[in-house]
C-alpha cells in the first residue's frame, strides 16, 4: 500500500512537471521525434518530471511483487485525485463539476478495493506464458499507434472543435497498459537468485523488449499529447485505460485468482468498475478558453 501511494505521488508530480515544461517549449510533433527529444532534454524542469516518473516506476515494481494486479490497479487509479489537485495548483487548469464528481467516484473506488484486500489470502502470480503475453500485447500496441495516428489526422483539421485529449489518452493508455504488464513480468524475473542469472532470465523473456518499445513510443506520443491537451483530462483517461487493461488482461494472463469470499469479490469488482466509469464521464471536447496566439503570429500576413 505504501509503495502504491508513493508511486501515485511520483507519477502525478512527474506528469505535472512535464506538462509545465512543455507549455514553455515550441510545438512538438511525433513526426519529428529527434527534435522532440532534443527540446525536452534541454529543459531541467522536464528532466525533473521524468526522474519522478522513473522513481514511480521503481515503486511500481515493488507493488507488483506484493499485491495482485487487480488490487494494485485500483490503488493506482487513486493517483488521479492528486494529479487533478496538482494540475489546478501548478498549471492553473480548472475542472468542471462533472470532473469533480468523477474524483469522488475514484475515492469511493479506492476505498472499495482497499477493503477487498486481506493480507496473506490473495495470490500474487509470478509468471505468465510468453505466447499469451505476446498475443495480448502486440495487437494492443498496434491498436494504440493506429488510434493515435487517427487522432493526429483529425486534430489537423482547422475547423475541428478543441479536443480534450480523450483519443490521445486512450491510445497512450493502451501502450502504458502493455508497459504495465511488462513491469509485472520484469518483477517476476527478478526473483531469480543471483544477478547474472536474473539478467539472463530477463533477456530471454519478451518483457525488456516490450518495455523498450513502449518506453520510446510512449514518451514521444505522450509528450506531444500533453502539450496540446489539459493534463487534468488526458492523464486520467490514460490512467483509466491502463488500469482497465492491466486489471482485466493482466489478471487473466498471469492467472491471478479473485477473492473467494463473495463480499470481498463484490468490493473488488465494483471498485474496479467504478474506476473505469471515470473514462465514460470525460468530455470529448474542451470548452476552456484557448490561449491567444503570440503577437508575431497576429502580425504575420
C-alpha atoms as a PDB file:
ATOM      1  CA  UNK A   1       0.000   0.000   0.000  1.00  0.00           C
ATOM      2  CA  UNK A   2       2.750   2.447   0.942  1.00  0.00           C
ATOM      3  CA  UNK A   3       4.669   1.718  -2.270  1.00  0.00           C
ATOM      4  CA  UNK A   4       1.486   2.125  -4.341  1.00  0.00           C
ATOM      5  CA  UNK A   5       0.686   5.504  -2.793  1.00  0.00           C
ATOM      6  CA  UNK A   6       4.297   6.596  -3.284  1.00  0.00           C
ATOM      7  CA  UNK A   7       4.099   5.569  -6.947  1.00  0.00           C
ATOM      8  CA  UNK A   8       0.891   7.604  -7.304  1.00  0.00           C
ATOM      9  CA  UNK A   9       2.558  10.699  -5.859  1.00  0.00           C
ATOM     10  CA  UNK A  10       5.643  10.375  -8.047  1.00  0.00           C
ATOM     11  CA  UNK A  11       3.655   9.729 -11.227  1.00  0.00           C
ATOM     12  CA  UNK A  12       1.317  12.681 -10.609  1.00  0.00           C
ATOM     13  CA  UNK A  13       4.195  15.024  -9.820  1.00  0.00           C
ATOM     14  CA  UNK A  14       6.131  13.806 -12.856  1.00  0.00           C
ATOM     15  CA  UNK A  15       3.260  14.386 -15.296  1.00  0.00           C
ATOM     16  CA  UNK A  16       2.570  17.860 -13.935  1.00  0.00           C
ATOM     17  CA  UNK A  17       6.231  18.906 -14.131  1.00  0.00           C
ATOM     18  CA  UNK A  18       6.487  17.619 -17.698  1.00  0.00           C
ATOM     19  CA  UNK A  19       3.292  19.443 -18.684  1.00  0.00           C
ATOM     20  CA  UNK A  20       4.572  22.694 -17.179  1.00  0.00           C
ATOM     21  CA  UNK A  21       7.857  22.317 -19.029  1.00  0.00           C
ATOM     22  CA  UNK A  22       6.102  21.572 -22.320  1.00  0.00           C
ATOM     23  CA  UNK A  23       3.997  24.737 -22.151  1.00  0.00           C
ATOM     24  CA  UNK A  24       7.154  26.834 -22.472  1.00  0.00           C
ATOM     25  CA  UNK A  25       8.632  24.807 -25.344  1.00  0.00           C
ATOM     26  CA  UNK A  26       7.973  25.179 -29.080  1.00  0.00           C
ATOM     27  CA  UNK A  27       5.308  22.882 -30.524  1.00  0.00           C
ATOM     28  CA  UNK A  28       6.457  19.272 -30.689  1.00  0.00           C
ATOM     29  CA  UNK A  29       5.271  16.536 -33.032  1.00  0.00           C
ATOM     30  CA  UNK A  30       5.566  12.754 -33.242  1.00  0.00           C
ATOM     31  CA  UNK A  31       6.632  13.250 -36.867  1.00  0.00           C
ATOM     32  CA  UNK A  32       9.876  14.819 -35.582  1.00  0.00           C
ATOM     33  CA  UNK A  33      10.911  12.571 -32.684  1.00  0.00           C
ATOM     34  CA  UNK A  34      14.572  13.638 -32.693  1.00  0.00           C
ATOM     35  CA  UNK A  35      13.602  17.317 -32.385  1.00  0.00           C
ATOM     36  CA  UNK A  36      11.113  16.465 -29.637  1.00  0.00           C
ATOM     37  CA  UNK A  37      13.747  14.630 -27.616  1.00  0.00           C
ATOM     38  CA  UNK A  38      16.269  17.443 -28.129  1.00  0.00           C
ATOM     39  CA  UNK A  39      13.798  20.036 -26.851  1.00  0.00           C
ATOM     40  CA  UNK A  40      12.645  18.146 -23.770  1.00  0.00           C
ATOM     41  CA  UNK A  41      16.137  17.023 -22.785  1.00  0.00           C
ATOM     42  CA  UNK A  42      17.165  20.687 -22.796  1.00  0.00           C
ATOM     43  CA  UNK A  43      14.557  21.530 -20.138  1.00  0.00           C
ATOM     44  CA  UNK A  44      15.665  20.994 -16.498  1.00  0.00           C
ATOM     45  CA  UNK A  45      12.025  21.069 -15.393  1.00  0.00           C
ATOM     46  CA  UNK A  46      11.112  18.284 -17.813  1.00  0.00           C
ATOM     47  CA  UNK A  47      14.102  16.228 -16.682  1.00  0.00           C
ATOM     48  CA  UNK A  48      12.904  16.610 -13.086  1.00  0.00           C
ATOM     49  CA  UNK A  49       9.479  15.325 -14.122  1.00  0.00           C
ATOM     50  CA  UNK A  50      10.969  12.355 -15.951  1.00  0.00           C
ATOM     51  CA  UNK A  51      13.079  11.456 -12.905  1.00  0.00           C
ATOM     52  CA  UNK A  52       9.923  11.487 -10.765  1.00  0.00           C
ATOM     53  CA  UNK A  53       8.253   9.134 -13.258  1.00  0.00           C
ATOM     54  CA  UNK A  54      11.295   6.849 -13.176  1.00  0.00           C
ATOM     55  CA  UNK A  55      11.132   6.718  -9.375  1.00  0.00           C
ATOM     56  CA  UNK A  56       7.424   5.894  -9.677  1.00  0.00           C
ATOM     57  CA  UNK A  57       8.359   3.021 -11.974  1.00  0.00           C
ATOM     58  CA  UNK A  58      10.687   1.632  -9.283  1.00  0.00           C
ATOM     59  CA  UNK A  59       7.919   1.863  -6.687  1.00  0.00           C
ATOM     60  CA  UNK A  60       5.555   0.095  -9.085  1.00  0.00           C
ATOM     61  CA  UNK A  61       7.952  -2.848  -9.297  1.00  0.00           C
ATOM     62  CA  UNK A  62       7.654  -3.270  -5.528  1.00  0.00           C
ATOM     63  CA  UNK A  63       3.856  -3.093  -5.705  1.00  0.00           C
ATOM     64  CA  UNK A  64       3.582  -5.856  -8.329  1.00  0.00           C
ATOM     65  CA  UNK A  65       5.669  -8.180  -6.166  1.00  0.00           C
ATOM     66  CA  UNK A  66       3.390  -7.742  -3.146  1.00  0.00           C
ATOM     67  CA  UNK A  67      -0.152  -7.095  -4.452  1.00  0.00           C
ATOM     68  CA  UNK A  68      -2.360  -8.839  -7.034  1.00  0.00           C
ATOM     69  CA  UNK A  69      -2.659  -6.969 -10.344  1.00  0.00           C
ATOM     70  CA  UNK A  70      -6.346  -6.055  -9.956  1.00  0.00           C
ATOM     71  CA  UNK A  71      -5.854  -4.684  -6.445  1.00  0.00           C
ATOM     72  CA  UNK A  72      -2.772  -2.701  -7.476  1.00  0.00           C
ATOM     73  CA  UNK A  73      -4.637  -1.059 -10.357  1.00  0.00           C
ATOM     74  CA  UNK A  74      -7.482   0.002  -8.097  1.00  0.00           C
ATOM     75  CA  UNK A  75      -4.976   1.807  -5.881  1.00  0.00           C
ATOM     76  CA  UNK A  76      -3.050   3.326  -8.795  1.00  0.00           C
ATOM     77  CA  UNK A  77      -6.235   4.927 -10.129  1.00  0.00           C
ATOM     78  CA  UNK A  78      -6.472   6.927  -6.893  1.00  0.00           C
ATOM     79  CA  UNK A  79      -3.495   8.948  -8.119  1.00  0.00           C
ATOM     80  CA  UNK A  80      -5.897  10.808 -10.412  1.00  0.00           C
ATOM     81  CA  UNK A  81      -7.150  12.792  -7.436  1.00  0.00           C
ATOM     82  CA  UNK A  82      -3.678  14.083  -6.613  1.00  0.00           C
ATOM     83  CA  UNK A  83      -2.983  14.741 -10.288  1.00  0.00           C
ATOM     84  CA  UNK A  84      -6.051  16.964 -10.695  1.00  0.00           C
ATOM     85  CA  UNK A  85      -5.224  18.845  -7.496  1.00  0.00           C
ATOM     86  CA  UNK A  86      -1.647  19.458  -8.650  1.00  0.00           C
ATOM     87  CA  UNK A  87      -2.845  20.470 -12.124  1.00  0.00           C
ATOM     88  CA  UNK A  88      -5.148  23.088 -10.616  1.00  0.00           C
ATOM     89  CA  UNK A  89      -2.465  24.354  -8.264  1.00  0.00           C
ATOM     90  CA  UNK A  90       0.605  24.353 -10.516  1.00  0.00           C
ATOM     91  CA  UNK A  91      -0.883  24.579 -14.017  1.00  0.00           C
ATOM     92  CA  UNK A  92      -3.990  26.654 -13.402  1.00  0.00           C
ATOM     93  CA  UNK A  93      -6.222  24.023 -15.028  1.00  0.00           C
ATOM     94  CA  UNK A  94      -9.833  24.253 -13.894  1.00  0.00           C
ATOM     95  CA  UNK A  95     -12.044  21.197 -13.512  1.00  0.00           C
ATOM     96  CA  UNK A  96     -15.748  21.076 -14.285  1.00  0.00           C
ATOM     97  CA  UNK A  97     -18.473  19.859 -11.948  1.00  0.00           C
ATOM     98  CA  UNK A  98     -18.655  16.572 -13.832  1.00  0.00           C
ATOM     99  CA  UNK A  99     -14.918  16.057 -13.393  1.00  0.00           C
ATOM    100  CA  UNK A 100     -15.179  16.722  -9.661  1.00  0.00           C
ATOM    101  CA  UNK A 101     -17.931  14.120  -9.364  1.00  0.00           C
ATOM    102  CA  UNK A 102     -15.588  11.696 -11.126  1.00  0.00           C
ATOM    103  CA  UNK A 103     -12.931  12.375  -8.481  1.00  0.00           C
ATOM    104  CA  UNK A 104     -15.396  11.490  -5.765  1.00  0.00           C
ATOM    105  CA  UNK A 105     -16.175   8.240  -7.562  1.00  0.00           C
ATOM    106  CA  UNK A 106     -12.449   7.451  -7.714  1.00  0.00           C
ATOM    107  CA  UNK A 107     -12.082   7.911  -3.966  1.00  0.00           C
ATOM    108  CA  UNK A 108     -15.001   5.568  -3.397  1.00  0.00           C
ATOM    109  CA  UNK A 109     -13.482   3.037  -5.810  1.00  0.00           C
ATOM    110  CA  UNK A 110     -10.179   3.167  -3.923  1.00  0.00           C
ATOM    111  CA  UNK A 111     -11.930   2.529  -0.615  1.00  0.00           C
ATOM    112  CA  UNK A 112     -13.781  -0.477  -2.070  1.00  0.00           C
ATOM    113  CA  UNK A 113     -10.576  -2.003  -3.486  1.00  0.00           C
ATOM    114  CA  UNK A 114      -8.667  -1.483  -0.236  1.00  0.00           C
ATOM    115  CA  UNK A 115     -11.483  -3.136   1.749  1.00  0.00           C
ATOM    116  CA  UNK A 116     -11.306  -6.148  -0.586  1.00  0.00           C
ATOM    117  CA  UNK A 117      -7.687  -6.855   0.388  1.00  0.00           C
ATOM    118  CA  UNK A 118      -6.723  -9.342   3.062  1.00  0.00           C
ATOM    119  CA  UNK A 119      -3.077  -9.889   3.916  1.00  0.00           C
ATOM    120  CA  UNK A 120      -1.871 -13.403   3.174  1.00  0.00           C
ATOM    121  CA  UNK A 121      -5.024 -14.541   1.362  1.00  0.00           C
ATOM    122  CA  UNK A 122      -4.545 -13.044  -2.117  1.00  0.00           C
ATOM    123  CA  UNK A 123      -2.414 -14.868  -4.657  1.00  0.00           C
ATOM    124  CA  UNK A 124       0.363 -12.898  -6.351  1.00  0.00           C
ATOM    125  CA  UNK A 125       1.385 -14.708  -9.523  1.00  0.00           C
ATOM    126  CA  UNK A 126       4.996 -14.598 -10.658  1.00  0.00           C
ATOM    127  CA  UNK A 127       4.816 -15.912 -14.227  1.00  0.00           C
ATOM    128  CA  UNK A 128       2.777 -15.998 -17.434  1.00  0.00           C
ATOM    129  CA  UNK A 129       3.158 -17.950 -20.718  1.00  0.00           C
ATOM    130  CA  UNK A 130       5.172 -15.878 -23.190  1.00  0.00           C
ATOM    131  CA  UNK A 131       2.935 -16.685 -26.213  1.00  0.00           C
ATOM    132  CA  UNK A 132      -0.101 -15.480 -24.273  1.00  0.00           C
ATOM    133  CA  UNK A 133       1.658 -12.243 -23.282  1.00  0.00           C
ATOM    134  CA  UNK A 134       2.610 -11.560 -26.912  1.00  0.00           C
ATOM    135  CA  UNK A 135      -0.910 -12.415 -28.098  1.00  0.00           C
ATOM    136  CA  UNK A 136      -2.293  -9.798 -25.722  1.00  0.00           C
ATOM    137  CA  UNK A 137       0.380  -7.125 -26.133  1.00  0.00           C
ATOM    138  CA  UNK A 138       1.234  -6.985 -29.845  1.00  0.00           C
ATOM    139  CA  UNK A 139      -2.323  -6.250 -31.124  1.00  0.00           C
ATOM    140  CA  UNK A 140      -2.777  -3.723 -28.307  1.00  0.00           C
ATOM    141  CA  UNK A 141       0.376  -1.875 -29.341  1.00  0.00           C
ATOM    142  CA  UNK A 142      -0.774  -1.793 -32.970  1.00  0.00           C
ATOM    143  CA  UNK A 143      -4.213  -0.510 -31.911  1.00  0.00           C
ATOM    144  CA  UNK A 144      -2.675   2.226 -29.763  1.00  0.00           C
ATOM    145  CA  UNK A 145      -0.392   3.510 -32.525  1.00  0.00           C
ATOM    146  CA  UNK A 146      -3.240   3.405 -35.081  1.00  0.00           C
ATOM    147  CA  UNK A 147      -5.645   5.260 -32.778  1.00  0.00           C
ATOM    148  CA  UNK A 148      -3.065   7.947 -32.045  1.00  0.00           C
ATOM    149  CA  UNK A 149      -2.335   8.451 -35.745  1.00  0.00           C
ATOM    150  CA  UNK A 150      -6.082   8.758 -36.422  1.00  0.00           C
ATOM    151  CA  UNK A 151      -6.425  11.378 -33.671  1.00  0.00           C
ATOM    152  CA  UNK A 152      -3.498  13.292 -35.163  1.00  0.00           C
ATOM    153  CA  UNK A 153      -5.174  13.419 -38.583  1.00  0.00           C
ATOM    154  CA  UNK A 154      -8.431  14.713 -37.097  1.00  0.00           C
ATOM    155  CA  UNK A 155      -6.640  17.294 -34.966  1.00  0.00           C
ATOM    156  CA  UNK A 156      -5.023  18.864 -38.042  1.00  0.00           C
ATOM    157  CA  UNK A 157      -8.497  19.860 -39.246  1.00  0.00           C
ATOM    158  CA  UNK A 158      -8.669  23.618 -38.539  1.00  0.00           C
ATOM    159  CA  UNK A 159     -12.454  23.641 -38.144  1.00  0.00           C
ATOM    160  CA  UNK A 160     -12.495  20.867 -35.539  1.00  0.00           C
ATOM    161  CA  UNK A 161     -13.513  21.847 -32.007  1.00  0.00           C
ATOM    162  CA  UNK A 162     -10.636  21.786 -29.480  1.00  0.00           C
ATOM    163  CA  UNK A 163     -10.172  18.263 -28.178  1.00  0.00           C
ATOM    164  CA  UNK A 164      -9.831  17.345 -24.521  1.00  0.00           C
ATOM    165  CA  UNK A 165      -7.431  14.552 -25.434  1.00  0.00           C
ATOM    166  CA  UNK A 166      -9.679  11.535 -24.866  1.00  0.00           C
ATOM    167  CA  UNK A 167      -8.462   9.872 -28.085  1.00  0.00           C
ATOM    168  CA  UNK A 168      -4.832  10.578 -27.212  1.00  0.00           C
ATOM    169  CA  UNK A 169      -5.371   9.308 -23.683  1.00  0.00           C
ATOM    170  CA  UNK A 170      -6.896   6.024 -24.864  1.00  0.00           C
ATOM    171  CA  UNK A 171      -4.069   5.467 -27.368  1.00  0.00           C
ATOM    172  CA  UNK A 172      -1.274   6.167 -24.889  1.00  0.00           C
ATOM    173  CA  UNK A 173      -3.175   4.214 -22.229  1.00  0.00           C
ATOM    174  CA  UNK A 174      -3.016   1.081 -24.390  1.00  0.00           C
ATOM    175  CA  UNK A 175       0.769   1.453 -24.693  1.00  0.00           C
ATOM    176  CA  UNK A 176       1.154   2.035 -20.974  1.00  0.00           C
ATOM    177  CA  UNK A 177      -1.111  -0.954 -20.302  1.00  0.00           C
ATOM    178  CA  UNK A 178       1.346  -3.128 -22.208  1.00  0.00           C
ATOM    179  CA  UNK A 179       4.176  -1.449 -20.304  1.00  0.00           C
ATOM    180  CA  UNK A 180       2.424  -2.248 -17.020  1.00  0.00           C
ATOM    181  CA  UNK A 181       2.219  -5.945 -17.930  1.00  0.00           C
ATOM    182  CA  UNK A 182       5.898  -5.837 -18.872  1.00  0.00           C
ATOM    183  CA  UNK A 183       6.733  -4.268 -15.490  1.00  0.00           C
ATOM    184  CA  UNK A 184       4.837  -7.082 -13.798  1.00  0.00           C
ATOM    185  CA  UNK A 185       6.838  -9.583 -15.863  1.00  0.00           C
ATOM    186  CA  UNK A 186      10.141  -7.905 -15.005  1.00  0.00           C
ATOM    187  CA  UNK A 187       9.295  -8.017 -11.301  1.00  0.00           C
ATOM    188  CA  UNK A 188       8.707 -11.775 -11.599  1.00  0.00           C
ATOM    189  CA  UNK A 189      12.034 -12.341 -13.407  1.00  0.00           C
ATOM    190  CA  UNK A 190      13.929 -10.522 -10.656  1.00  0.00           C
ATOM    191  CA  UNK A 191      13.151 -13.328  -8.235  1.00  0.00           C
ATOM    192  CA  UNK A 192      15.911 -15.464  -9.763  1.00  0.00           C
ATOM    193  CA  UNK A 193      18.837 -15.998  -7.381  1.00  0.00           C
ATOM    194  CA  UNK A 194      21.990 -14.145  -8.418  1.00  0.00           C
ATOM    195  CA  UNK A 195      22.340 -11.032 -10.570  1.00  0.00           C
ATOM    196  CA  UNK A 196      23.786 -12.896 -13.562  1.00  0.00           C
ATOM    197  CA  UNK A 197      21.017 -15.471 -13.604  1.00  0.00           C
ATOM    198  CA  UNK A 198      18.334 -12.797 -13.220  1.00  0.00           C
ATOM    199  CA  UNK A 199      19.731 -10.782 -16.154  1.00  0.00           C
ATOM    200  CA  UNK A 200      19.944 -13.811 -18.449  1.00  0.00           C
ATOM    201  CA  UNK A 201      16.462 -14.902 -17.450  1.00  0.00           C
ATOM    202  CA  UNK A 202      15.128 -11.410 -18.123  1.00  0.00           C
ATOM    203  CA  UNK A 203      16.802 -11.097 -21.538  1.00  0.00           C
ATOM    204  CA  UNK A 204      15.270 -14.413 -22.562  1.00  0.00           C
ATOM    205  CA  UNK A 205      11.771 -13.056 -21.927  1.00  0.00           C
ATOM    206  CA  UNK A 206       9.738 -10.581 -24.052  1.00  0.00           C
ATOM    207  CA  UNK A 207       9.420  -8.101 -21.194  1.00  0.00           C
ATOM    208  CA  UNK A 208      12.503  -5.873 -21.706  1.00  0.00           C
ATOM    209  CA  UNK A 209      11.723  -5.524 -25.416  1.00  0.00           C
ATOM    210  CA  UNK A 210       8.107  -4.593 -24.710  1.00  0.00           C
ATOM    211  CA  UNK A 211       9.365  -2.024 -22.207  1.00  0.00           C
ATOM    212  CA  UNK A 212      11.791  -0.616 -24.775  1.00  0.00           C
ATOM    213  CA  UNK A 213       9.064  -0.232 -27.409  1.00  0.00           C
ATOM    214  CA  UNK A 214       6.507   1.285 -25.055  1.00  0.00           C
ATOM    215  CA  UNK A 215       9.153   3.487 -23.468  1.00  0.00           C
ATOM    216  CA  UNK A 216      10.258   5.069 -26.761  1.00  0.00           C
ATOM    217  CA  UNK A 217       6.855   5.356 -28.427  1.00  0.00           C
ATOM    218  CA  UNK A 218       5.046   6.187 -25.190  1.00  0.00           C
ATOM    219  CA  UNK A 219       7.495   9.015 -24.470  1.00  0.00           C
ATOM    220  CA  UNK A 220       7.111  10.646 -27.883  1.00  0.00           C
ATOM    221  CA  UNK A 221       3.340  10.180 -28.073  1.00  0.00           C
ATOM    222  CA  UNK A 222       2.594  11.288 -24.515  1.00  0.00           C
ATOM    223  CA  UNK A 223       4.697  14.467 -24.708  1.00  0.00           C
ATOM    224  CA  UNK A 224       3.037  15.651 -27.914  1.00  0.00           C
ATOM    225  CA  UNK A 225      -0.391  14.923 -26.430  1.00  0.00           C
ATOM    226  CA  UNK A 226       0.414  16.581 -23.093  1.00  0.00           C
ATOM    227  CA  UNK A 227       1.463  19.782 -24.835  1.00  0.00           C
ATOM    228  CA  UNK A 228      -1.840  20.038 -26.723  1.00  0.00           C
ATOM    229  CA  UNK A 229      -4.326  18.956 -24.059  1.00  0.00           C
ATOM    230  CA  UNK A 230      -5.039  19.531 -20.382  1.00  0.00           C
ATOM    231  CA  UNK A 231      -3.109  17.201 -18.104  1.00  0.00           C
ATOM    232  CA  UNK A 232      -6.107  17.050 -15.758  1.00  0.00           C
ATOM    233  CA  UNK A 233      -8.085  15.286 -18.514  1.00  0.00           C
ATOM    234  CA  UNK A 234      -5.655  13.398 -20.724  1.00  0.00           C
ATOM    235  CA  UNK A 235      -3.780  11.732 -17.861  1.00  0.00           C
ATOM    236  CA  UNK A 236      -6.944  10.468 -16.099  1.00  0.00           C
ATOM    237  CA  UNK A 237      -8.145   8.958 -19.382  1.00  0.00           C
ATOM    238  CA  UNK A 238      -4.746   7.365 -19.985  1.00  0.00           C
ATOM    239  CA  UNK A 239      -4.565   6.057 -16.408  1.00  0.00           C
ATOM    240  CA  UNK A 240      -8.078   4.610 -16.509  1.00  0.00           C
ATOM    241  CA  UNK A 241      -7.432   2.770 -19.787  1.00  0.00           C
ATOM    242  CA  UNK A 242      -4.103   1.492 -18.463  1.00  0.00           C
ATOM    243  CA  UNK A 243      -5.702   0.288 -15.236  1.00  0.00           C
ATOM    244  CA  UNK A 244      -8.586  -1.433 -17.004  1.00  0.00           C
ATOM    245  CA  UNK A 245      -6.259  -3.106 -19.495  1.00  0.00           C
ATOM    246  CA  UNK A 246      -3.870  -4.284 -16.786  1.00  0.00           C
ATOM    247  CA  UNK A 247      -6.507  -5.360 -14.281  1.00  0.00           C
ATOM    248  CA  UNK A 248      -8.508  -7.432 -16.768  1.00  0.00           C
ATOM    249  CA  UNK A 249      -5.939  -8.805 -19.222  1.00  0.00           C
ATOM    250  CA  UNK A 250      -3.120  -8.881 -16.684  1.00  0.00           C
ATOM    251  CA  UNK A 251      -5.141 -10.890 -14.179  1.00  0.00           C
ATOM    252  CA  UNK A 252      -6.120 -13.368 -16.900  1.00  0.00           C
ATOM    253  CA  UNK A 253      -2.617 -13.595 -18.389  1.00  0.00           C
ATOM    254  CA  UNK A 254      -0.836 -14.137 -15.067  1.00  0.00           C
ATOM    255  CA  UNK A 255      -3.574 -16.397 -13.727  1.00  0.00           C
ATOM    256  CA  UNK A 256      -4.227 -14.483 -10.517  1.00  0.00           C
ATOM    257  CA  UNK A 257      -7.397 -15.565  -8.716  1.00  0.00           C
ATOM    258  CA  UNK A 258     -10.036 -13.158  -7.470  1.00  0.00           C
ATOM    259  CA  UNK A 259     -11.100 -13.223  -3.790  1.00  0.00           C
ATOM    260  CA  UNK A 260     -13.086 -16.290  -2.703  1.00  0.00           C
ATOM    261  CA  UNK A 261     -15.408 -14.502  -0.283  1.00  0.00           C
ATOM    262  CA  UNK A 262     -18.496 -13.031  -2.012  1.00  0.00           C
ATOM    263  CA  UNK A 263     -18.291  -9.683  -0.201  1.00  0.00           C
ATOM    264  CA  UNK A 264     -14.600  -9.137  -0.978  1.00  0.00           C
ATOM    265  CA  UNK A 265     -15.161 -10.230  -4.582  1.00  0.00           C
ATOM    266  CA  UNK A 266     -18.050  -7.787  -4.941  1.00  0.00           C
ATOM    267  CA  UNK A 267     -15.951  -4.956  -3.490  1.00  0.00           C
ATOM    268  CA  UNK A 268     -13.017  -5.741  -5.808  1.00  0.00           C
ATOM    269  CA  UNK A 269     -15.130  -5.958  -8.970  1.00  0.00           C
ATOM    270  CA  UNK A 270     -17.368  -2.994  -8.137  1.00  0.00           C
ATOM    271  CA  UNK A 271     -14.397  -0.827  -7.182  1.00  0.00           C
ATOM    272  CA  UNK A 272     -12.620  -1.588 -10.442  1.00  0.00           C
ATOM    273  CA  UNK A 273     -15.804  -0.988 -12.453  1.00  0.00           C
ATOM    274  CA  UNK A 274     -16.392   2.330 -10.700  1.00  0.00           C
ATOM    275  CA  UNK A 275     -12.849   3.432 -11.504  1.00  0.00           C
ATOM    276  CA  UNK A 276     -13.427   2.602 -15.181  1.00  0.00           C
ATOM    277  CA  UNK A 277     -16.528   4.820 -15.106  1.00  0.00           C
ATOM    278  CA  UNK A 278     -14.177   7.805 -14.890  1.00  0.00           C
ATOM    279  CA  UNK A 279     -13.385   7.309 -18.548  1.00  0.00           C
ATOM    280  CA  UNK A 280     -17.048   7.461 -19.501  1.00  0.00           C
ATOM    281  CA  UNK A 281     -17.544  10.813 -17.734  1.00  0.00           C
ATOM    282  CA  UNK A 282     -14.780  12.595 -19.588  1.00  0.00           C
ATOM    283  CA  UNK A 283     -15.993  15.116 -22.234  1.00  0.00           C
ATOM    284  CA  UNK A 284     -14.525  14.778 -25.703  1.00  0.00           C
ATOM    285  CA  UNK A 285     -14.373  18.499 -26.491  1.00  0.00           C
ATOM    286  CA  UNK A 286     -12.712  21.197 -24.431  1.00  0.00           C
ATOM    287  CA  UNK A 287     -14.787  24.260 -23.595  1.00  0.00           C
ATOM    288  CA  UNK A 288     -11.961  26.082 -21.819  1.00  0.00           C
ATOM    289  CA  UNK A 289     -10.830  29.331 -23.490  1.00  0.00           C
ATOM    290  CA  UNK A 290      -7.921  28.873 -25.837  1.00  0.00           C
ATOM    291  CA  UNK A 291      -4.747  30.955 -25.360  1.00  0.00           C
ATOM    292  CA  UNK A 292      -4.290  33.889 -27.658  1.00  0.00           C
ATOM    293  CA  UNK A 293      -1.678  33.474 -30.389  1.00  0.00           C
ATOM    294  CA  UNK A 294       1.644  35.268 -29.925  1.00  0.00           C
ATOM    295  CA  UNK A 295       1.941  38.818 -31.203  1.00  0.00           C
ATOM    296  CA  UNK A 296       4.292  37.850 -34.012  1.00  0.00           C
ATOM    297  CA  UNK A 297       1.684  35.449 -35.361  1.00  0.00           C
ATOM    298  CA  UNK A 298      -1.009  38.148 -35.229  1.00  0.00           C
ATOM    299  CA  UNK A 299       1.181  40.459 -37.207  1.00  0.00           C
ATOM    300  CA  UNK A 300       2.018  37.944 -39.886  1.00  0.00           C
ATOM    301  CA  UNK A 301       0.087  38.127 -43.203  1.00  0.00           C
END
